[in-house]
Protein backbone atom coordinates (compact mmCIF):
# COMPACT_ATOMS: atom_id res chain seq x y z
CA MET A 1 76.39 54.35 8.85
CA THR A 2 74.45 56.52 6.51
CA LYS A 3 70.47 56.07 6.97
CA PRO A 4 68.96 55.27 3.21
CA ALA A 5 66.88 58.05 1.72
CA LYS A 6 63.32 56.84 1.00
CA LEU A 7 62.46 57.33 -2.45
CA GLN A 8 59.33 56.83 -4.41
CA LEU A 9 59.88 56.21 -8.21
CA LYS A 10 57.16 56.39 -10.93
CA ILE A 11 58.42 55.27 -14.33
CA TYR A 12 55.85 56.18 -17.30
CA GLN A 13 55.80 53.40 -19.37
CA GLY A 14 56.87 54.21 -22.75
CA ALA A 15 58.92 57.26 -21.96
CA THR A 16 62.43 57.83 -21.40
CA PHE A 17 63.39 57.97 -17.27
CA ARG A 18 65.98 60.44 -15.89
CA ARG A 19 66.39 60.63 -12.37
CA ARG A 20 69.65 62.69 -10.67
CA LEU A 21 69.81 62.48 -7.16
CA ARG A 22 72.60 63.85 -5.25
CA TRP A 23 74.69 62.27 -2.23
CA LEU A 24 75.70 65.19 0.44
CA SER A 25 77.33 64.85 3.66
CA PRO A 26 75.89 66.24 6.78
CA ASP A 27 77.45 69.81 6.15
CA LYS A 28 76.07 69.65 2.39
CA MET A 29 78.98 69.14 0.91
CA PRO A 30 78.86 66.65 -2.15
CA ILE A 31 80.08 62.98 -1.13
CA ASP A 32 83.01 62.06 -3.54
CA LEU A 33 81.60 58.91 -5.86
CA THR A 34 85.29 59.02 -7.90
CA GLY A 35 85.96 55.44 -8.12
CA CYS A 36 82.66 53.98 -6.80
CA THR A 37 80.14 51.97 -8.51
CA ALA A 38 76.60 51.55 -8.22
CA ARG A 39 73.42 48.97 -8.40
CA MET A 40 69.97 49.10 -8.43
CA GLN A 41 66.95 46.27 -8.30
CA VAL A 42 63.50 46.40 -8.70
CA ARG A 43 62.08 43.37 -7.33
CA GLU A 44 57.97 42.90 -6.79
CA GLU A 45 58.51 42.39 -3.26
CA VAL A 46 61.67 42.34 -1.15
CA GLU A 47 61.17 38.63 -0.57
CA SER A 48 61.13 37.99 -4.57
CA THR A 49 63.68 35.79 -6.36
CA ALA A 50 63.90 37.56 -9.55
CA ALA A 51 64.84 41.16 -10.11
CA LEU A 52 62.14 43.01 -12.40
CA LEU A 53 64.23 45.57 -13.48
CA GLU A 54 68.44 46.06 -13.01
CA LEU A 55 70.32 49.21 -13.20
CA SER A 56 73.85 49.71 -12.71
CA THR A 57 77.00 51.15 -13.68
CA GLU A 58 77.88 48.45 -15.66
CA ASN A 59 75.06 48.54 -17.79
CA GLY A 60 74.83 51.88 -18.32
CA ARG A 61 71.75 52.66 -16.82
CA ILE A 62 73.67 54.39 -13.40
CA ALA A 63 76.28 57.30 -13.99
CA LEU A 64 77.97 58.67 -11.24
CA GLY A 65 79.25 62.38 -11.11
CA GLY A 66 82.13 61.80 -9.03
CA THR A 67 83.37 64.87 -6.69
CA ALA A 68 79.69 66.32 -7.71
CA GLY A 69 78.00 63.61 -5.76
CA THR A 70 75.74 63.02 -8.35
CA VAL A 71 73.65 59.73 -9.36
CA ASP A 72 71.96 59.57 -12.51
CA LEU A 73 69.49 56.94 -13.46
CA LEU A 74 68.47 56.52 -16.89
CA ILE A 75 66.28 53.89 -18.51
CA ASP A 76 65.61 54.18 -21.92
CA ALA A 77 62.22 54.39 -23.96
CA GLY A 78 62.26 50.71 -24.95
CA THR A 79 62.82 49.39 -21.80
CA THR A 80 60.21 51.40 -20.32
CA ALA A 81 57.96 50.17 -22.98
CA ALA A 82 58.63 46.72 -22.26
CA ILE A 83 57.82 46.66 -18.58
CA THR A 84 54.57 44.59 -17.89
CA TRP A 85 54.31 44.87 -14.06
CA SER A 86 52.95 47.59 -12.36
CA GLY A 87 55.02 48.26 -9.20
CA GLY A 88 57.42 47.11 -6.56
CA VAL A 89 60.36 47.69 -4.06
CA HIS A 90 63.91 48.78 -4.85
CA ASP A 91 67.06 49.81 -3.11
CA LEU A 92 69.84 51.73 -4.71
CA GLU A 93 73.70 50.73 -3.41
CA ILE A 94 77.14 52.69 -3.49
CA VAL A 95 80.51 50.08 -3.89
CA HIS A 96 83.22 52.09 -2.63
CA PRO A 97 86.27 51.02 -4.36
CA GLY A 98 87.60 49.26 -1.01
CA GLY A 99 84.52 46.90 -1.24
CA GLU A 100 82.36 49.03 1.37
CA VAL A 101 78.58 49.00 0.09
CA THR A 102 76.34 52.07 1.24
CA ARG A 103 72.78 51.79 0.73
CA LEU A 104 71.71 55.67 -0.44
CA ALA A 105 68.07 55.07 -0.79
CA GLU A 106 65.14 52.50 -0.74
CA GLY A 107 61.35 52.76 -1.83
CA SER A 108 58.77 51.98 -3.81
CA CYS A 109 58.42 52.01 -7.47
CA CYS A 110 55.26 52.20 -9.66
CA VAL A 111 54.60 52.23 -13.44
CA SER A 112 51.88 54.71 -15.45
CA PRO A 113 50.90 52.46 -18.09
CA GLU A 114 51.35 54.05 -21.87
CA VAL A 115 48.15 54.83 -23.76
CA THR A 116 49.94 56.30 -27.05
CA ARG A 117 51.80 53.43 -28.27
CA ASP A 118 52.29 51.85 -32.06
């Protein structure tokens, strides 16, 4: 079982958010993500019923790099501009082709408010 990495995220409201992660084996070799999907949710608290933000391979906010073991998170500027919350918690899960789920990362997420706007 893989222990989730601690990942603190900071989103700048009104700016494009990009973050690249790399999943490596204990001997520093990339984990093959071919055929996998990924999902991530941000919630105000772990117990909160509603997600504040969702990223997934299905909605285009997560891209997996196959044999390179990369996980790219992407949130467009329009979406970050519409954020009305200041922080929360998240986790990032990889779903393998056979259905096994690995929690790759978990942690907090904060939003830096935008000053320059229309």
